[in-house]
């Protein structure tokens, strides 16, 4: 997005190399770099992007994260509910930049069953157990299939996924896949199931909506900020029964499926690459002004 007009330096921690502006990803992890760059260049050349755990776990308790936001001339969040969680003085210099994905052509989807997909590494923040428990509440004869893509970062959750796949033919665990294969799998599904308990602004929601796949998600800030407060496909975090009810409603209710599809399509213009690229370029131009 920037390489055609700027020289970009990507570093885990700033080593002091000459630079005209800094975009720091993650307020706490980048705190030392933010402090040193601010000393050299000042606030106007410095932006901090809140990527997820810094917003929902570190703040307000982390003095390092708070210091980064105090020093930044501009703050970026990845979804529209996030500014609500910031102090007024931080909110005043905050903008939302949605992530994007190239739109995929609509794929033909099965007409005799509901195909769902969950994409996320197996760890507590992504909460795959809620999906496993929801499946147990749905009658086994229901025409439902779930494919799960993600590395078993938590070995116990990996064991649970493999055990479920052995005894429930509706569930298929694929492990980690390359991004292209994952996007193709998302496009073939009717529905993305996204039960996370913490999200900064999940790119997989972007990839689903730009693939013609609607979403059923936990009602957390990171998802509400991506899908909108009035989105019809929410269940409460860690509420397996609520997820099961949403899936059964989608199975049995064509009106509900049309409602989910319409609401997802309404959000799609937010996630086009050209929009994100313009926002990122405008950010850098503002830092250099």
C-alpha atoms as a PDB file:
ATOM      1  CA  UNK A   1       0.000   0.000   0.000  1.00  0.00           C
ATOM      2  CA  UNK A   2       2.933   2.339   0.611  1.00  0.00           C
ATOM      3  CA  UNK A   3       5.862   0.826  -1.249  1.00  0.00           C
ATOM      4  CA  UNK A   4       5.165   2.621  -4.523  1.00  0.00           C
ATOM      5  CA  UNK A   5       5.796   6.031  -2.975  1.00  0.00           C
ATOM      6  CA  UNK A   6       7.713   5.550   0.279  1.00  0.00           C
ATOM      7  CA  UNK A   7      10.740   3.574   1.447  1.00  0.00           C
ATOM      8  CA  UNK A   8       9.426   1.194   4.075  1.00  0.00           C
ATOM      9  CA  UNK A   9      11.523  -0.212   6.936  1.00  0.00           C
ATOM     10  CA  UNK A  10       9.942  -3.144   8.814  1.00  0.00           C
ATOM     11  CA  UNK A  11      11.444  -3.984  12.199  1.00  0.00           C
ATOM     12  CA  UNK A  12      10.359  -5.821  15.340  1.00  0.00           C
ATOM     13  CA  UNK A  13      11.995  -3.085  17.407  1.00  0.00           C
ATOM     14  CA  UNK A  14      13.277   0.206  15.995  1.00  0.00           C
ATOM     15  CA  UNK A  15      17.072   0.098  15.799  1.00  0.00           C
ATOM     16  CA  UNK A  16      17.492   3.839  15.387  1.00  0.00           C
ATOM     17  CA  UNK A  17      17.658   3.799  11.572  1.00  0.00           C
ATOM     18  CA  UNK A  18      16.822   7.147  10.007  1.00  0.00           C
ATOM     19  CA  UNK A  19      13.086   7.455   9.397  1.00  0.00           C
ATOM     20  CA  UNK A  20      10.681  10.310   8.788  1.00  0.00           C
ATOM     21  CA  UNK A  21       7.672   8.680  10.466  1.00  0.00           C
ATOM     22  CA  UNK A  22       6.816   5.608  12.495  1.00  0.00           C
ATOM     23  CA  UNK A  23       3.711   3.404  12.516  1.00  0.00           C
ATOM     24  CA  UNK A  24       4.005   1.271  15.642  1.00  0.00           C
ATOM     25  CA  UNK A  25       1.909  -1.899  15.821  1.00  0.00           C
ATOM     26  CA  UNK A  26       0.762  -2.785  19.364  1.00  0.00           C
ATOM     27  CA  UNK A  27       0.976  -0.160  22.093  1.00  0.00           C
ATOM     28  CA  UNK A  28       2.706  -2.288  24.733  1.00  0.00           C
ATOM     29  CA  UNK A  29       5.032  -4.414  22.600  1.00  0.00           C
ATOM     30  CA  UNK A  30       6.234  -1.344  20.697  1.00  0.00           C
ATOM     31  CA  UNK A  31       6.487   0.855  23.797  1.00  0.00           C
ATOM     32  CA  UNK A  32      10.287   1.120  23.843  1.00  0.00           C
ATOM     33  CA  UNK A  33      10.437   1.992  20.138  1.00  0.00           C
ATOM     34  CA  UNK A  34       7.643   4.535  20.545  1.00  0.00           C
ATOM     35  CA  UNK A  35       9.457   6.209  23.443  1.00  0.00           C
ATOM     36  CA  UNK A  36      12.749   6.498  21.565  1.00  0.00           C
ATOM     37  CA  UNK A  37      11.193   7.660  18.291  1.00  0.00           C
ATOM     38  CA  UNK A  38       9.148  10.285  20.112  1.00  0.00           C
ATOM     39  CA  UNK A  39      12.341  11.646  21.671  1.00  0.00           C
ATOM     40  CA  UNK A  40      13.872  12.007  18.226  1.00  0.00           C
ATOM     41  CA  UNK A  41      10.956  13.113  16.050  1.00  0.00           C
ATOM     42  CA  UNK A  42       8.066  14.145  18.307  1.00  0.00           C
ATOM     43  CA  UNK A  43       4.421  13.179  18.387  1.00  0.00           C
ATOM     44  CA  UNK A  44       3.396  14.482  14.965  1.00  0.00           C
ATOM     45  CA  UNK A  45       5.516  11.888  13.150  1.00  0.00           C
ATOM     46  CA  UNK A  46       4.276   8.955  15.260  1.00  0.00           C
ATOM     47  CA  UNK A  47       1.196   6.714  14.932  1.00  0.00           C
ATOM     48  CA  UNK A  48       0.294   3.759  17.152  1.00  0.00           C
ATOM     49  CA  UNK A  49      -2.021   1.006  15.893  1.00  0.00           C
ATOM     50  CA  UNK A  50      -4.018  -0.884  18.518  1.00  0.00           C
ATOM     51  CA  UNK A  51      -4.022  -4.421  17.130  1.00  0.00           C
ATOM     52  CA  UNK A  52      -6.016  -6.363  19.719  1.00  0.00           C
ATOM     53  CA  UNK A  53      -4.536  -7.551  22.991  1.00  0.00           C
ATOM     54  CA  UNK A  54      -3.156  -4.095  23.747  1.00  0.00           C
ATOM     55  CA  UNK A  55      -6.689  -2.687  23.583  1.00  0.00           C
ATOM     56  CA  UNK A  56      -8.575  -5.490  25.324  1.00  0.00           C
ATOM     57  CA  UNK A  57      -6.004  -6.866  27.772  1.00  0.00           C
ATOM     58  CA  UNK A  58      -3.235  -4.321  28.382  1.00  0.00           C
ATOM     59  CA  UNK A  59      -5.341  -1.190  28.749  1.00  0.00           C
ATOM     60  CA  UNK A  60      -6.018   0.409  31.108  1.00  0.00           C
ATOM     61  CA  UNK A  61      -3.617  -1.466  33.411  1.00  0.00           C
ATOM     62  CA  UNK A  62      -0.410  -1.316  31.369  1.00  0.00           C
ATOM     63  CA  UNK A  63       1.544   1.879  31.960  1.00  0.00           C
ATOM     64  CA  UNK A  64       3.653   1.092  28.867  1.00  0.00           C
ATOM     65  CA  UNK A  65       0.606   0.839  26.591  1.00  0.00           C
ATOM     66  CA  UNK A  66      -0.907   4.023  28.035  1.00  0.00           C
ATOM     67  CA  UNK A  67       2.383   5.867  27.604  1.00  0.00           C
ATOM     68  CA  UNK A  68       2.506   4.870  23.929  1.00  0.00           C
ATOM     69  CA  UNK A  69      -0.953   6.340  23.369  1.00  0.00           C
ATOM     70  CA  UNK A  70      -0.022   9.508  25.227  1.00  0.00           C
ATOM     71  CA  UNK A  71       3.053   9.987  23.005  1.00  0.00           C
ATOM     72  CA  UNK A  72       1.378   9.166  19.678  1.00  0.00           C
ATOM     73  CA  UNK A  73       0.229  11.988  17.449  1.00  0.00           C
ATOM     74  CA  UNK A  74      -2.296   9.645  15.867  1.00  0.00           C
ATOM     75  CA  UNK A  75      -3.925   6.394  16.993  1.00  0.00           C
ATOM     76  CA  UNK A  76      -5.404   3.790  14.660  1.00  0.00           C
ATOM     77  CA  UNK A  77      -7.945   1.105  15.585  1.00  0.00           C
ATOM     78  CA  UNK A  78      -9.149  -1.706  13.337  1.00  0.00           C
ATOM     79  CA  UNK A  79     -12.882  -1.645  13.996  1.00  0.00           C
ATOM     80  CA  UNK A  80     -15.485   0.971  14.751  1.00  0.00           C
ATOM     81  CA  UNK A  81     -16.420  -0.010  18.322  1.00  0.00           C
ATOM     82  CA  UNK A  82     -12.857   0.383  19.614  1.00  0.00           C
ATOM     83  CA  UNK A  83     -12.818   4.188  20.123  1.00  0.00           C
ATOM     84  CA  UNK A  84     -15.589   3.792  22.701  1.00  0.00           C
ATOM     85  CA  UNK A  85     -13.100   1.987  24.961  1.00  0.00           C
ATOM     86  CA  UNK A  86     -10.461   4.719  24.892  1.00  0.00           C
ATOM     87  CA  UNK A  87      -9.969   7.714  27.154  1.00  0.00           C
ATOM     88  CA  UNK A  88     -11.397  10.936  25.681  1.00  0.00           C
ATOM     89  CA  UNK A  89      -7.935  12.410  25.084  1.00  0.00           C
ATOM     90  CA  UNK A  90      -6.920   9.305  23.109  1.00  0.00           C
ATOM     91  CA  UNK A  91     -10.235   9.105  21.264  1.00  0.00           C
ATOM     92  CA  UNK A  92      -9.764  12.656  19.982  1.00  0.00           C
ATOM     93  CA  UNK A  93      -6.743  11.564  17.910  1.00  0.00           C
ATOM     94  CA  UNK A  94      -8.095   8.140  16.850  1.00  0.00           C
ATOM     95  CA  UNK A  95      -9.272   6.940  13.460  1.00  0.00           C
ATOM     96  CA  UNK A  96     -10.632   3.605  12.252  1.00  0.00           C
ATOM     97  CA  UNK A  97      -8.911   1.794   9.388  1.00  0.00           C
ATOM     98  CA  UNK A  98     -10.631  -1.447   8.432  1.00  0.00           C
ATOM     99  CA  UNK A  99      -8.485  -4.244   7.072  1.00  0.00           C
ATOM    100  CA  UNK A 100      -9.371  -5.500   3.610  1.00  0.00           C
ATOM    101  CA  UNK A 101      -9.307  -8.518   1.331  1.00  0.00           C
ATOM    102  CA  UNK A 102      -9.632  -8.976  -2.417  1.00  0.00           C
ATOM    103  CA  UNK A 103     -13.180  -9.892  -3.291  1.00  0.00           C
ATOM    104  CA  UNK A 104     -13.649 -13.464  -4.520  1.00  0.00           C
ATOM    105  CA  UNK A 105     -16.243 -14.534  -7.048  1.00  0.00           C
ATOM    106  CA  UNK A 106     -19.287 -16.140  -5.447  1.00  0.00           C
ATOM    107  CA  UNK A 107     -19.068 -19.921  -5.238  1.00  0.00           C
ATOM    108  CA  UNK A 108     -21.972 -22.310  -5.665  1.00  0.00           C
ATOM    109  CA  UNK A 109     -22.909 -23.672  -2.249  1.00  0.00           C
ATOM    110  CA  UNK A 110     -24.819 -26.870  -1.417  1.00  0.00           C
ATOM    111  CA  UNK A 111     -28.585 -26.542  -1.395  1.00  0.00           C
ATOM    112  CA  UNK A 112     -29.334 -29.566   0.775  1.00  0.00           C
ATOM    113  CA  UNK A 113     -27.287 -28.715   3.879  1.00  0.00           C
ATOM    114  CA  UNK A 114     -25.626 -25.881   5.777  1.00  0.00           C
ATOM    115  CA  UNK A 115     -21.854 -25.805   5.335  1.00  0.00           C
ATOM    116  CA  UNK A 116     -20.016 -23.847   8.035  1.00  0.00           C
ATOM    117  CA  UNK A 117     -16.369 -23.057   8.622  1.00  0.00           C
ATOM    118  CA  UNK A 118     -14.369 -21.906  11.623  1.00  0.00           C
ATOM    119  CA  UNK A 119     -10.945 -20.390  10.947  1.00  0.00           C
ATOM    120  CA  UNK A 120      -8.617 -19.730  13.845  1.00  0.00           C
ATOM    121  CA  UNK A 121      -5.726 -21.392  15.600  1.00  0.00           C
ATOM    122  CA  UNK A 122      -6.809 -23.565  18.483  1.00  0.00           C
ATOM    123  CA  UNK A 123      -6.264 -21.435  21.571  1.00  0.00           C
ATOM    124  CA  UNK A 124      -8.537 -20.156  24.296  1.00  0.00           C
ATOM    125  CA  UNK A 125      -9.005 -16.673  22.790  1.00  0.00           C
ATOM    126  CA  UNK A 126     -10.638 -18.223  19.712  1.00  0.00           C
ATOM    127  CA  UNK A 127     -12.833 -20.404  21.968  1.00  0.00           C
ATOM    128  CA  UNK A 128     -13.273 -23.541  19.836  1.00  0.00           C
ATOM    129  CA  UNK A 129     -14.834 -25.343  22.815  1.00  0.00           C
ATOM    130  CA  UNK A 130     -18.003 -23.289  22.390  1.00  0.00           C
ATOM    131  CA  UNK A 131     -18.309 -24.648  18.848  1.00  0.00           C
ATOM    132  CA  UNK A 132     -17.692 -28.218  20.048  1.00  0.00           C
ATOM    133  CA  UNK A 133     -20.358 -27.871  22.740  1.00  0.00           C
ATOM    134  CA  UNK A 134     -22.828 -26.262  20.341  1.00  0.00           C
ATOM    135  CA  UNK A 135     -22.522 -29.188  17.934  1.00  0.00           C
ATOM    136  CA  UNK A 136     -23.441 -31.555  20.761  1.00  0.00           C
ATOM    137  CA  UNK A 137     -26.718 -29.641  21.232  1.00  0.00           C
ATOM    138  CA  UNK A 138     -27.769 -29.892  17.576  1.00  0.00           C
ATOM    139  CA  UNK A 139     -29.553 -33.118  16.561  1.00  0.00           C
ATOM    140  CA  UNK A 140     -27.083 -35.428  14.800  1.00  0.00           C
ATOM    141  CA  UNK A 141     -29.419 -35.862  11.837  1.00  0.00           C
ATOM    142  CA  UNK A 142     -29.471 -32.111  11.115  1.00  0.00           C
ATOM    143  CA  UNK A 143     -27.982 -31.405   7.656  1.00  0.00           C
ATOM    144  CA  UNK A 144     -25.005 -29.462   8.977  1.00  0.00           C
ATOM    145  CA  UNK A 145     -21.287 -29.696   8.232  1.00  0.00           C
ATOM    146  CA  UNK A 146     -18.481 -27.808   9.983  1.00  0.00           C
ATOM    147  CA  UNK A 147     -14.894 -27.557   8.767  1.00  0.00           C
ATOM    148  CA  UNK A 148     -12.312 -26.196  11.192  1.00  0.00           C
ATOM    149  CA  UNK A 149      -8.995 -24.715  10.013  1.00  0.00           C
ATOM    150  CA  UNK A 150      -6.213 -23.721  12.405  1.00  0.00           C
ATOM    151  CA  UNK A 151      -3.045 -24.969  14.040  1.00  0.00           C
ATOM    152  CA  UNK A 152      -3.360 -26.703  17.451  1.00  0.00           C
ATOM    153  CA  UNK A 153      -1.443 -24.070  19.426  1.00  0.00           C
ATOM    154  CA  UNK A 154      -3.082 -25.436  22.576  1.00  0.00           C
ATOM    155  CA  UNK A 155      -2.348 -29.208  22.491  1.00  0.00           C
ATOM    156  CA  UNK A 156      -5.390 -30.025  24.633  1.00  0.00           C
ATOM    157  CA  UNK A 157      -7.699 -28.182  22.248  1.00  0.00           C
ATOM    158  CA  UNK A 158      -6.019 -29.993  19.354  1.00  0.00           C
ATOM    159  CA  UNK A 159      -6.733 -33.326  21.037  1.00  0.00           C
ATOM    160  CA  UNK A 160     -10.346 -32.291  21.590  1.00  0.00           C
ATOM    161  CA  UNK A 161     -10.727 -31.325  17.927  1.00  0.00           C
ATOM    162  CA  UNK A 162      -9.290 -34.613  16.689  1.00  0.00           C
ATOM    163  CA  UNK A 163     -11.472 -36.586  19.111  1.00  0.00           C
ATOM    164  CA  UNK A 164     -14.586 -34.746  17.944  1.00  0.00           C
ATOM    165  CA  UNK A 165     -13.700 -35.397  14.289  1.00  0.00           C
ATOM    166  CA  UNK A 166     -13.387 -39.141  15.034  1.00  0.00           C
ATOM    167  CA  UNK A 167     -16.839 -39.545  16.548  1.00  0.00           C
ATOM    168  CA  UNK A 168     -18.910 -36.806  14.844  1.00  0.00           C
ATOM    169  CA  UNK A 169     -18.992 -37.037  11.036  1.00  0.00           C
ATOM    170  CA  UNK A 170     -20.419 -33.507  10.817  1.00  0.00           C
ATOM    171  CA  UNK A 171     -17.114 -32.033  12.026  1.00  0.00           C
ATOM    172  CA  UNK A 172     -13.874 -32.012  10.020  1.00  0.00           C
ATOM    173  CA  UNK A 173     -10.625 -30.725  11.492  1.00  0.00           C
ATOM    174  CA  UNK A 174      -8.113 -29.710   8.800  1.00  0.00           C
ATOM    175  CA  UNK A 175      -5.304 -28.251  10.916  1.00  0.00           C
ATOM    176  CA  UNK A 176      -3.389 -25.279   9.534  1.00  0.00           C
ATOM    177  CA  UNK A 177      -3.684 -24.518   5.805  1.00  0.00           C
ATOM    178  CA  UNK A 178      -2.076 -21.999   3.462  1.00  0.00           C
ATOM    179  CA  UNK A 179      -3.951 -18.734   3.090  1.00  0.00           C
ATOM    180  CA  UNK A 180      -5.122 -19.403  -0.466  1.00  0.00           C
ATOM    181  CA  UNK A 181      -6.586 -22.784   0.465  1.00  0.00           C
ATOM    182  CA  UNK A 182      -8.197 -21.259   3.526  1.00  0.00           C
ATOM    183  CA  UNK A 183      -9.838 -18.457   1.556  1.00  0.00           C
ATOM    184  CA  UNK A 184     -11.158 -20.978  -0.975  1.00  0.00           C
ATOM    185  CA  UNK A 185     -12.642 -23.035   1.857  1.00  0.00           C
ATOM    186  CA  UNK A 186     -14.273 -19.918   3.339  1.00  0.00           C
ATOM    187  CA  UNK A 187     -15.793 -19.061  -0.044  1.00  0.00           C
ATOM    188  CA  UNK A 188     -17.348 -22.527  -0.374  1.00  0.00           C
ATOM    189  CA  UNK A 189     -19.081 -22.298   3.013  1.00  0.00           C
ATOM    190  CA  UNK A 190     -22.438 -20.695   3.695  1.00  0.00           C
ATOM    191  CA  UNK A 191     -21.364 -19.439   7.101  1.00  0.00           C
ATOM    192  CA  UNK A 192     -18.247 -18.486   9.077  1.00  0.00           C
ATOM    193  CA  UNK A 193     -18.555 -19.349  12.771  1.00  0.00           C
ATOM    194  CA  UNK A 194     -16.458 -16.934  14.833  1.00  0.00           C
ATOM    195  CA  UNK A 195     -16.789 -17.557  18.608  1.00  0.00           C
ATOM    196  CA  UNK A 196     -13.743 -15.573  19.803  1.00  0.00           C
ATOM    197  CA  UNK A 197     -13.731 -14.008  23.260  1.00  0.00           C
ATOM    198  CA  UNK A 198     -11.044 -11.404  22.351  1.00  0.00           C
ATOM    199  CA  UNK A 199     -10.500  -9.774  18.938  1.00  0.00           C
ATOM    200  CA  UNK A 200      -8.920  -6.565  17.757  1.00  0.00           C
ATOM    201  CA  UNK A 201     -10.741  -6.759  14.404  1.00  0.00           C
ATOM    202  CA  UNK A 202     -10.627 -10.222  12.881  1.00  0.00           C
ATOM    203  CA  UNK A 203      -9.369 -10.336   9.315  1.00  0.00           C
ATOM    204  CA  UNK A 204     -11.164 -13.653   8.819  1.00  0.00           C
ATOM    205  CA  UNK A 205     -14.480 -11.745   9.040  1.00  0.00           C
ATOM    206  CA  UNK A 206     -13.230  -9.537   6.215  1.00  0.00           C
ATOM    207  CA  UNK A 207     -12.229 -12.605   4.206  1.00  0.00           C
ATOM    208  CA  UNK A 208     -15.642 -14.190   4.725  1.00  0.00           C
ATOM    209  CA  UNK A 209     -17.733 -11.180   3.791  1.00  0.00           C
ATOM    210  CA  UNK A 210     -15.624 -10.461   0.696  1.00  0.00           C
ATOM    211  CA  UNK A 211     -16.126 -14.106  -0.320  1.00  0.00           C
ATOM    212  CA  UNK A 212     -19.933 -14.059  -0.154  1.00  0.00           C
ATOM    213  CA  UNK A 213     -19.990 -15.971   3.151  1.00  0.00           C
ATOM    214  CA  UNK A 214     -22.057 -14.629   6.023  1.00  0.00           C
ATOM    215  CA  UNK A 215     -21.012 -14.746   9.674  1.00  0.00           C
ATOM    216  CA  UNK A 216     -22.327 -15.988  13.004  1.00  0.00           C
ATOM    217  CA  UNK A 217     -20.163 -14.470  15.752  1.00  0.00           C
ATOM    218  CA  UNK A 218     -19.839 -13.835  19.470  1.00  0.00           C
ATOM    219  CA  UNK A 219     -21.106 -10.469  20.630  1.00  0.00           C
ATOM    220  CA  UNK A 220     -17.757  -8.926  21.632  1.00  0.00           C
ATOM    221  CA  UNK A 221     -16.424  -5.487  20.806  1.00  0.00           C
ATOM    222  CA  UNK A 222     -14.015  -6.728  18.137  1.00  0.00           C
ATOM    223  CA  UNK A 223     -16.808  -8.475  16.245  1.00  0.00           C
ATOM    224  CA  UNK A 224     -19.490  -5.822  16.763  1.00  0.00           C
ATOM    225  CA  UNK A 225     -17.076  -3.209  15.449  1.00  0.00           C
ATOM    226  CA  UNK A 226     -16.585  -5.231  12.268  1.00  0.00           C
ATOM    227  CA  UNK A 227     -20.177  -6.349  11.651  1.00  0.00           C
ATOM    228  CA  UNK A 228     -22.194  -3.467  13.130  1.00  0.00           C
ATOM    229  CA  UNK A 229     -24.309  -3.153  16.257  1.00  0.00           C
ATOM    230  CA  UNK A 230     -27.495  -4.220  14.454  1.00  0.00           C
ATOM    231  CA  UNK A 231     -26.037  -7.338  12.815  1.00  0.00           C
ATOM    232  CA  UNK A 232     -28.485 -10.260  13.270  1.00  0.00           C
ATOM    233  CA  UNK A 233     -25.971 -13.100  13.705  1.00  0.00           C
ATOM    234  CA  UNK A 234     -24.677 -12.703  17.268  1.00  0.00           C
ATOM    235  CA  UNK A 235     -24.607 -15.021  20.265  1.00  0.00           C
ATOM    236  CA  UNK A 236     -23.169 -14.215  23.683  1.00  0.00           C
ATOM    237  CA  UNK A 237     -19.502 -15.120  24.359  1.00  0.00           C
ATOM    238  CA  UNK A 238     -18.981 -18.733  25.497  1.00  0.00           C
ATOM    239  CA  UNK A 239     -22.713 -19.394  25.034  1.00  0.00           C
ATOM    240  CA  UNK A 240     -22.784 -22.750  23.248  1.00  0.00           C
ATOM    241  CA  UNK A 241     -26.587 -22.925  23.430  1.00  0.00           C
ATOM    242  CA  UNK A 242     -26.839 -19.488  21.830  1.00  0.00           C
ATOM    243  CA  UNK A 243     -24.558 -20.559  18.990  1.00  0.00           C
ATOM    244  CA  UNK A 244     -26.555 -23.759  18.538  1.00  0.00           C
ATOM    245  CA  UNK A 245     -29.778 -21.729  18.333  1.00  0.00           C
ATOM    246  CA  UNK A 246     -28.294 -19.464  15.657  1.00  0.00           C
ATOM    247  CA  UNK A 247     -27.188 -22.467  13.596  1.00  0.00           C
ATOM    248  CA  UNK A 248     -30.550 -24.216  13.920  1.00  0.00           C
ATOM    249  CA  UNK A 249     -32.318 -20.996  12.954  1.00  0.00           C
ATOM    250  CA  UNK A 250     -30.072 -20.751   9.888  1.00  0.00           C
ATOM    251  CA  UNK A 251     -30.793 -24.392   9.054  1.00  0.00           C
ATOM    252  CA  UNK A 252     -34.543 -24.030   9.338  1.00  0.00           C
ATOM    253  CA  UNK A 253     -35.167 -20.417   8.379  1.00  0.00           C
ATOM    254  CA  UNK A 254     -34.554 -19.190   4.823  1.00  0.00           C
ATOM    255  CA  UNK A 255     -35.634 -15.709   5.900  1.00  0.00           C
ATOM    256  CA  UNK A 256     -32.913 -15.677   8.566  1.00  0.00           C
ATOM    257  CA  UNK A 257     -30.303 -16.777   6.026  1.00  0.00           C
ATOM    258  CA  UNK A 258     -31.356 -13.976   3.684  1.00  0.00           C
ATOM    259  CA  UNK A 259     -31.173 -11.531   6.593  1.00  0.00           C
ATOM    260  CA  UNK A 260     -27.624 -12.627   7.437  1.00  0.00           C
ATOM    261  CA  UNK A 261     -26.559 -12.415   3.802  1.00  0.00           C
ATOM    262  CA  UNK A 262     -28.040  -8.934   3.384  1.00  0.00           C
ATOM    263  CA  UNK A 263     -26.394  -7.658   6.576  1.00  0.00           C
ATOM    264  CA  UNK A 264     -23.020  -9.081   5.517  1.00  0.00           C
ATOM    265  CA  UNK A 265     -23.293  -7.573   2.043  1.00  0.00           C
ATOM    266  CA  UNK A 266     -24.065  -4.190   3.597  1.00  0.00           C
ATOM    267  CA  UNK A 267     -20.671  -4.231   5.342  1.00  0.00           C
ATOM    268  CA  UNK A 268     -18.663  -5.361   2.310  1.00  0.00           C
ATOM    269  CA  UNK A 269     -17.767  -1.852   1.010  1.00  0.00           C
ATOM    270  CA  UNK A 270     -15.874  -1.230   4.264  1.00  0.00           C
ATOM    271  CA  UNK A 271     -13.410  -4.004   3.455  1.00  0.00           C
ATOM    272  CA  UNK A 272     -12.263  -3.292  -0.096  1.00  0.00           C
ATOM    273  CA  UNK A 273      -8.479  -2.964  -0.598  1.00  0.00           C
ATOM    274  CA  UNK A 274      -8.668   0.439  -2.277  1.00  0.00           C
ATOM    275  CA  UNK A 275     -10.396   1.933   0.744  1.00  0.00           C
ATOM    276  CA  UNK A 276      -7.790   0.554   3.155  1.00  0.00           C
ATOM    277  CA  UNK A 277      -4.916   1.663   0.921  1.00  0.00           C
ATOM    278  CA  UNK A 278      -6.247   5.236   0.733  1.00  0.00           C
ATOM    279  CA  UNK A 279      -6.624   5.357   4.502  1.00  0.00           C
ATOM    280  CA  UNK A 280      -3.087   4.077   5.125  1.00  0.00           C
ATOM    281  CA  UNK A 281      -1.596   6.508   2.589  1.00  0.00           C
ATOM    282  CA  UNK A 282      -3.540   9.388   4.094  1.00  0.00           C
ATOM    283  CA  UNK A 283      -2.229   8.417   7.524  1.00  0.00           C
ATOM    284  CA  UNK A 284       1.374   8.533   6.373  1.00  0.00           C
ATOM    285  CA  UNK A 285       0.882  11.771   4.473  1.00  0.00           C
ATOM    286  CA  UNK A 286      -0.590  13.311   7.627  1.00  0.00           C
ATOM    287  CA  UNK A 287       2.419  12.153   9.648  1.00  0.00           C
ATOM    288  CA  UNK A 288       4.757  13.747   7.107  1.00  0.00           C
ATOM    289  CA  UNK A 289       2.802  16.980   6.670  1.00  0.00           C
END
